[in-house]
Amino acid sequence: MTEISRFDAEIGAAATRVLSLEEDRELTGIKADDATRAVMAKIIGIEAKITPRRLREAVMTVAGRTWLGSVEAQIALARAKL
């Protein structure tokens, strides 16, 4: 398997689920200290809340849009700590 096809296979597999911090580090090559890992874990947890059903609700209802805006604000706040 070539390097490009291996990468495509990894990315394709990764797109179907949330990566662990270790898997993300392997794919990106980014090494992080414990504080950064904690923030990244929090971001991953928040992002995992945004399911296809929640996205449909965000498109269809005002309450859904408000919820999605709140989740995005939580993510932005966590990213600011990086």
Protein backbone atom coordinates (compact mmCIF):
# COMPACT_ATOMS: atom_id res chain seq x y z
CA MET A 1 0.00 0.00 0.00
CA THR A 2 1.41 3.41 -0.91
CA GLU A 3 1.74 6.15 1.65
CA ILE A 4 -1.10 8.12 0.05
CA SER A 5 -3.50 5.18 -0.06
CA ARG A 6 -2.63 4.31 3.57
CA PHE A 7 -3.40 7.91 4.54
CA ASP A 8 -6.68 7.86 2.58
CA ALA A 9 -7.67 4.61 4.27
CA GLU A 10 -6.91 6.08 7.71
CA ILE A 11 -8.80 9.28 7.00
CA GLY A 12 -11.76 7.36 5.56
CA ALA A 13 -11.93 5.19 8.66
CA ALA A 14 -11.48 8.20 10.93
CA ALA A 15 -14.35 10.07 9.29
CA THR A 16 -16.86 7.51 10.55
CA ARG A 17 -16.12 7.97 14.26
CA VAL A 18 -14.60 10.34 16.82
CA LEU A 19 -10.88 9.75 17.17
CA SER A 20 -9.18 9.20 20.48
CA LEU A 21 -6.45 11.68 21.38
CA GLU A 22 -3.81 9.09 20.60
CA GLU A 23 -5.29 8.34 17.16
CA ASP A 24 -5.55 12.05 16.41
CA ARG A 25 -1.92 12.56 17.43
CA GLU A 26 -0.83 9.67 15.20
CA LEU A 27 -2.66 11.14 12.20
CA THR A 28 -1.60 14.76 12.77
CA GLY A 29 1.81 14.26 14.37
CA ILE A 30 0.93 16.79 17.08
CA LYS A 31 2.28 16.06 20.55
CA ALA A 32 0.61 17.77 23.49
CA ASP A 33 1.17 18.24 27.18
CA ASP A 34 -1.40 17.12 29.76
CA ALA A 35 -3.20 20.48 29.90
CA THR A 36 -3.57 20.56 26.12
CA ARG A 37 -4.76 16.95 26.11
CA ALA A 38 -7.41 17.80 28.71
CA VAL A 39 -8.69 20.71 26.61
CA MET A 40 -8.66 18.59 23.46
CA ALA A 41 -10.58 15.84 25.26
CA LYS A 42 -13.17 18.41 26.32
CA ILE A 43 -13.49 19.69 22.75
CA ILE A 44 -13.88 16.15 21.42
CA GLY A 45 -16.61 15.50 23.99
CA ILE A 46 -18.46 18.69 23.09
CA GLU A 47 -18.17 18.01 19.35
CA ALA A 48 -19.52 14.50 19.87
CA LYS A 49 -22.82 16.08 20.98
CA ILE A 50 -23.37 17.43 17.46
CA THR A 51 -25.10 14.42 15.94
CA PRO A 52 -26.94 14.30 12.61
CA ARG A 53 -30.24 14.48 14.51
CA ARG A 54 -29.10 17.58 16.38
CA LEU A 55 -28.01 19.17 13.10
CA ARG A 56 -31.47 18.51 11.61
CA GLU A 57 -33.05 20.14 14.64
CA ALA A 58 -30.71 23.12 14.27
CA VAL A 59 -31.85 23.61 10.71
CA MET A 60 -35.54 23.11 11.44
CA THR A 61 -36.12 24.93 14.73
CA VAL A 62 -35.14 28.12 16.50
CA ALA A 63 -34.39 26.13 19.65
CA GLY A 64 -32.09 23.87 17.64
CA ARG A 65 -30.22 26.86 16.21
CA THR A 66 -29.87 28.29 19.70
CA TRP A 67 -28.54 24.98 21.01
CA LEU A 68 -26.02 24.66 18.18
CA GLY A 69 -24.83 28.23 18.75
CA SER A 70 -24.34 27.40 22.42
CA VAL A 71 -22.31 24.30 21.59
CA GLU A 72 -20.16 26.25 19.12
CA ALA A 73 -19.54 28.88 21.81
CA GLN A 74 -18.42 26.15 24.23
CA ILE A 75 -16.00 24.83 21.61
CA ALA A 76 -14.63 28.32 20.91
CA LEU A 77 -14.12 28.89 24.63
CA ALA A 78 -12.23 25.62 24.99
CA ARG A 79 -10.10 26.33 21.89
CA ALA A 80 -9.15 29.71 23.33
CA LYS A 81 -7.41 27.81 26.14
CA LEU A 82 -5.07 26.04 23.73
